[in-house]
């Protein structure tokens, strides 16, 4: 017996992996996060599949149903938004499955962080500017470990991607400023990335709170911050990759010195 945990991607039903789609189409039982996963994707399940919405279930109820269906010999897939590894609450499900001696397989999906970067046309790692991306969330009702406070992470002055933080913008801005970020630092906010009603707001650390309020953004938003989000950064020669520099030698090409 094995549960398939599938990353559905950020919203666009075409952004599921080929493997994930094949499993979805083969499944006897499809359980999905109905508040986040696109119904158009779930409609690709076979007509006779049992489709279960999980938004109203608690952990024990959800896993209990999965276990029952698997013990009946049915193929079950659990469809999560984005990629299951990022704020997916999958390991707590897996812990209960293990108690029932049930295995699992995770099929990765496109995370909203990468869908958002694509939507704004950004490369999150820029040579000689930043080579690090921190994926995190602001501290709200769910605490973060003491060594992972946003102001401490922001002190690295790299690209930061904030999940689940749209209602905590005052705190986000305060911690960026405490970490020494300029108020002119570029920020891109993408609400409902890849959905038909996707909204992109380009702003700065100093204007972030006002612009979020002006557009009424309080949920389903990815916040990308750092100088890699400067839309003009790719035109600056000092931030070009060595990979395509004609003077740079690597095993496939000998560089030509000026």
Protein backbone atom coordinates (compact mmCIF):
# COMPACT_ATOMS: atom_id res chain seq x y z
CA UNK A 1 0.00 0.00 0.00
CA UNK A 2 1.28 3.43 -0.96
CA UNK A 3 -0.10 6.98 -1.01
CA UNK A 4 0.96 9.28 -3.83
CA UNK A 5 1.46 12.89 -2.71
CA UNK A 6 1.42 15.10 -5.79
CA UNK A 7 2.47 18.73 -6.17
CA UNK A 8 -0.22 20.36 -8.31
CA UNK A 9 1.75 23.51 -9.05
CA UNK A 10 0.69 27.07 -8.28
CA UNK A 11 -2.64 27.25 -10.11
CA UNK A 12 -2.33 26.84 -13.87
CA UNK A 13 -3.51 23.24 -14.46
CA UNK A 14 -0.81 22.80 -17.13
CA UNK A 15 1.94 23.28 -14.54
CA UNK A 16 1.62 19.82 -13.02
CA UNK A 17 4.39 17.40 -13.95
CA UNK A 18 3.74 14.68 -16.53
CA UNK A 19 4.22 12.06 -13.80
CA UNK A 20 1.81 13.82 -11.47
CA UNK A 21 -0.86 14.07 -14.15
CA UNK A 22 -0.53 10.38 -15.06
CA UNK A 23 -1.01 9.37 -11.42
CA UNK A 24 -3.98 11.70 -11.04
CA UNK A 25 -5.62 10.18 -14.10
CA UNK A 26 -5.06 6.64 -12.84
CA UNK A 27 -6.27 7.18 -9.28
CA UNK A 28 -9.38 5.59 -7.78
CA UNK A 29 -9.48 8.21 -5.03
CA UNK A 30 -8.36 11.85 -5.31
CA UNK A 31 -8.11 13.94 -2.15
CA UNK A 32 -7.18 17.56 -2.74
CA UNK A 33 -6.83 20.91 -1.00
CA UNK A 34 -9.93 22.49 -2.54
CA UNK A 35 -9.20 25.98 -1.22
CA UNK A 36 -5.97 26.13 -3.25
CA UNK A 37 -5.87 23.55 -6.07
CA UNK A 38 -7.46 24.42 -9.42
CA UNK A 39 -10.71 22.53 -10.06
CA UNK A 40 -9.76 22.30 -13.76
CA UNK A 41 -6.87 20.05 -12.80
CA UNK A 42 -8.98 17.80 -10.58
CA UNK A 43 -11.46 17.44 -13.46
CA UNK A 44 -8.76 15.48 -15.31
CA UNK A 45 -9.28 12.54 -12.92
CA UNK A 46 -11.13 9.57 -14.41
CA UNK A 47 -14.93 9.95 -14.27
CA UNK A 48 -15.45 7.11 -11.80
CA UNK A 49 -12.81 8.37 -9.34
CA UNK A 50 -13.95 9.32 -5.85
CA UNK A 51 -13.03 12.99 -5.36
CA UNK A 52 -12.69 14.26 -1.79
CA UNK A 53 -12.18 17.85 -0.64
CA UNK A 54 -9.92 18.18 2.40
CA UNK A 55 -10.32 21.83 3.45
CA UNK A 56 -12.98 20.96 6.04
CA UNK A 57 -11.12 17.94 7.47
CA UNK A 58 -8.75 17.73 10.40
CA UNK A 59 -5.54 15.68 10.23
CA UNK A 60 -6.92 12.47 11.81
CA UNK A 61 -10.06 12.51 9.65
CA UNK A 62 -8.09 13.09 6.47
CA UNK A 63 -5.52 10.37 7.12
CA UNK A 64 -8.20 7.98 8.36
CA UNK A 65 -10.02 8.20 5.03
CA UNK A 66 -6.78 7.69 3.11
CA UNK A 67 -5.94 4.59 5.17
CA UNK A 68 -9.43 3.13 4.73
CA UNK A 69 -9.35 3.55 0.95
CA UNK A 70 -5.84 2.11 0.64
CA UNK A 71 -6.84 -0.92 2.71
CA UNK A 72 -9.73 -1.42 0.31
CA UNK A 73 -7.09 -1.86 -2.41
CA UNK A 74 -7.72 1.49 -4.07
CA UNK A 75 -5.10 3.76 -5.61
CA UNK A 76 -5.13 7.05 -3.69
CA UNK A 77 -3.51 10.37 -4.60
CA UNK A 78 -3.29 13.37 -2.29
CA UNK A 79 -2.99 16.57 -4.34
CA UNK A 80 -1.24 19.54 -2.73
CA UNK A 81 -0.81 23.05 -4.06
CA UNK A 82 2.62 24.13 -5.33
CA UNK A 83 5.37 21.77 -4.21
CA UNK A 84 4.66 19.55 -1.18
CA UNK A 85 8.06 20.33 0.35
CA UNK A 86 7.23 24.02 0.93
CA UNK A 87 4.76 24.65 3.77
CA UNK A 88 2.87 21.57 2.63
CA UNK A 89 2.10 20.01 6.05
CA UNK A 90 2.88 16.63 4.50
CA UNK A 91 5.18 15.12 7.12
CA UNK A 92 2.48 15.08 9.80
CA UNK A 93 0.30 13.07 7.41
CA UNK A 94 3.19 10.73 6.66
CA UNK A 95 3.86 10.18 10.38
CA UNK A 96 0.34 8.80 10.81
CA UNK A 97 0.61 6.69 7.66
CA UNK A 98 3.78 5.07 9.00
CA UNK A 99 1.91 3.94 12.10
CA UNK A 100 -0.34 2.01 9.72
CA UNK A 101 2.69 0.61 7.84
CA UNK A 102 1.66 2.52 4.73
CA UNK A 103 4.31 3.85 2.35
CA UNK A 104 4.25 6.98 0.27
CA UNK A 105 5.78 8.59 -2.79
CA UNK A 106 6.11 12.35 -3.28
CA UNK A 107 5.90 13.80 -6.78
CA UNK A 108 7.32 17.34 -6.79
CA UNK A 109 5.47 20.31 -8.24
CA UNK A 110 6.17 23.88 -9.31
CA UNK A 111 6.39 26.07 -6.22
CA UNK A 112 4.68 29.46 -6.17
CA UNK A 113 8.07 31.06 -5.58
CA UNK A 114 9.30 29.96 -9.00
CA UNK A 115 5.96 30.62 -10.68
CA UNK A 116 6.09 34.16 -9.27
CA UNK A 117 9.67 34.71 -10.41
CA UNK A 118 8.64 33.60 -13.89
CA UNK A 119 5.61 35.89 -13.84
CA UNK A 120 7.75 38.96 -13.17
CA UNK A 121 10.56 37.80 -15.48
CA UNK A 122 13.11 37.66 -12.68
CA UNK A 123 16.25 35.61 -12.12
CA UNK A 124 16.58 35.29 -8.36
CA UNK A 125 20.35 34.71 -8.40
CA UNK A 126 22.46 37.37 -10.13
CA UNK A 127 26.27 37.00 -10.51
CA UNK A 128 28.24 39.40 -8.28
CA UNK A 129 25.00 40.63 -6.70
CA UNK A 130 23.41 37.66 -4.90
CA UNK A 131 23.84 33.92 -5.19
CA UNK A 132 21.45 33.00 -2.39
CA UNK A 133 17.67 32.79 -2.09
CA UNK A 134 16.03 32.47 1.32
CA UNK A 135 12.55 30.92 1.34
CA UNK A 136 10.75 31.78 4.57
CA UNK A 137 7.71 33.41 6.18
CA UNK A 138 7.14 36.29 8.56
CA UNK A 139 6.31 35.42 12.14
CA UNK A 140 2.62 35.65 12.95
CA UNK A 141 0.35 33.24 14.81
CA UNK A 142 2.76 30.51 13.70
CA UNK A 143 6.10 31.27 15.39
CA UNK A 144 9.49 30.90 13.72
CA UNK A 145 12.61 29.58 15.48
CA UNK A 146 14.64 32.20 17.31
CA UNK A 147 17.56 31.92 14.86
CA UNK A 148 15.23 32.39 11.87
CA UNK A 149 13.76 35.81 12.62
CA UNK A 150 13.29 37.76 9.41
CA UNK A 151 15.59 40.60 10.44
CA UNK A 152 18.43 38.09 10.96
CA UNK A 153 17.83 36.34 7.64
CA UNK A 154 17.53 39.69 5.87
CA UNK A 155 20.94 40.69 7.24
CA UNK A 156 22.43 38.55 4.46
CA UNK A 157 21.05 41.05 1.92
CA UNK A 158 20.26 38.30 -0.57
CA UNK A 159 16.99 37.56 -2.37
CA UNK A 160 14.17 36.71 0.01
CA UNK A 161 10.91 34.98 -0.89
CA UNK A 162 8.14 35.31 1.67
CA UNK A 163 5.32 32.80 1.81
CA UNK A 164 2.17 33.30 3.91
CA UNK A 165 3.07 36.84 4.93
CA UNK A 166 0.58 39.13 3.17
CA UNK A 167 -1.16 40.11 6.43
CA UNK A 168 2.13 40.88 8.20
CA UNK A 169 3.54 43.58 5.93
CA UNK A 170 4.13 46.19 8.64
CA UNK A 171 6.30 43.67 10.47
CA UNK A 172 8.05 42.62 7.24
CA UNK A 173 8.99 46.20 6.35
CA UNK A 174 10.16 46.93 9.90
CA UNK A 175 12.44 43.88 9.95
CA UNK A 176 13.89 44.61 6.51
CA UNK A 177 14.74 48.16 7.63
CA UNK A 178 16.21 46.87 10.91
CA UNK A 179 18.43 44.58 8.81
CA UNK A 180 19.81 47.59 6.96
CA UNK A 181 17.78 47.34 3.75
CA UNK A 182 17.30 50.54 1.80
CA UNK A 183 13.72 51.69 1.39
CA UNK A 184 14.46 51.74 -2.36
CA UNK A 185 15.12 47.98 -2.43
CA UNK A 186 12.90 46.45 -5.15
CA UNK A 187 10.00 44.17 -4.23
CA UNK A 188 7.65 42.22 -6.48
CA UNK A 189 4.37 40.90 -5.11
CA UNK A 190 2.51 38.26 -7.09
CA UNK A 191 -0.99 37.38 -5.97
CA UNK A 192 -2.46 34.09 -7.27
CA UNK A 193 0.49 33.35 -9.52
CA UNK A 194 -0.50 31.68 -12.84
CA UNK A 195 -4.25 31.90 -12.12
CA UNK A 196 -6.40 33.87 -14.62
CA UNK A 197 -6.76 36.71 -12.08
CA UNK A 198 -3.02 36.88 -11.31
CA UNK A 199 -1.97 40.31 -10.00
CA UNK A 200 1.59 41.66 -10.10
CA UNK A 201 2.63 44.66 -8.04
CA UNK A 202 6.14 46.07 -8.41
CA UNK A 203 7.12 48.26 -5.51
CA UNK A 204 9.90 48.93 -3.00
CA UNK A 205 10.47 48.17 0.67
CA UNK A 206 9.44 51.74 1.52
CA UNK A 207 6.21 51.57 -0.49
CA UNK A 208 5.31 47.94 0.14
CA UNK A 209 2.79 48.44 2.93
CA UNK A 210 0.92 51.20 1.07
CA UNK A 211 0.84 49.31 -2.22
CA UNK A 212 -0.38 46.09 -0.61
CA UNK A 213 -3.18 48.04 1.09
CA UNK A 214 -4.05 49.92 -2.10
CA UNK A 215 -4.48 46.66 -4.04
CA UNK A 216 -6.26 44.87 -1.20
CA UNK A 217 -3.73 42.02 -1.09
CA UNK A 218 -4.12 39.97 2.08
CA UNK A 219 -3.77 36.37 0.92
CA UNK A 220 -2.42 34.05 -1.78
CA UNK A 221 0.57 36.34 -2.35
CA UNK A 222 4.26 35.63 -2.88
CA UNK A 223 6.57 38.49 -1.89
CA UNK A 224 9.96 38.56 -3.63
CA UNK A 225 12.42 41.11 -2.28
CA UNK A 226 15.98 42.12 -3.06
CA UNK A 227 18.01 43.84 -5.77
CA UNK A 228 17.65 40.82 -8.06
CA UNK A 229 14.07 42.08 -8.51
CA UNK A 230 15.28 45.30 -10.13
CA UNK A 231 13.78 45.02 -13.66
CA UNK A 232 16.85 46.81 -15.08
CA UNK A 233 19.43 44.57 -13.40
CA UNK A 234 19.92 42.34 -16.45
CA UNK A 235 21.08 45.31 -18.52
CA UNK A 236 24.06 46.04 -16.26
CA UNK A 237 27.22 44.41 -17.60
CA UNK A 238 28.85 44.07 -14.19
CA UNK A 239 26.17 41.53 -13.27
CA UNK A 240 26.58 39.22 -16.26
CA UNK A 241 27.23 35.48 -15.95
CA UNK A 242 30.75 34.18 -16.63
CA UNK A 243 29.20 31.21 -18.43
CA UNK A 244 28.60 33.16 -21.64
CA UNK A 245 31.52 35.59 -21.34
CA UNK A 246 33.68 35.10 -24.45
CA UNK A 247 36.86 35.47 -22.36
CA UNK A 248 35.84 32.73 -19.91
CA UNK A 249 37.23 29.23 -20.50
CA UNK A 250 35.34 26.10 -19.54
CA UNK A 251 35.41 22.48 -20.72
CA UNK A 252 33.16 23.16 -23.70
CA UNK A 253 34.74 26.36 -24.96
CA UNK A 254 38.12 28.10 -24.86
CA UNK A 255 37.87 31.76 -23.92
CA UNK A 256 39.30 34.50 -26.10
CA UNK A 257 41.21 37.13 -24.14
CA UNK A 258 40.64 40.75 -25.16
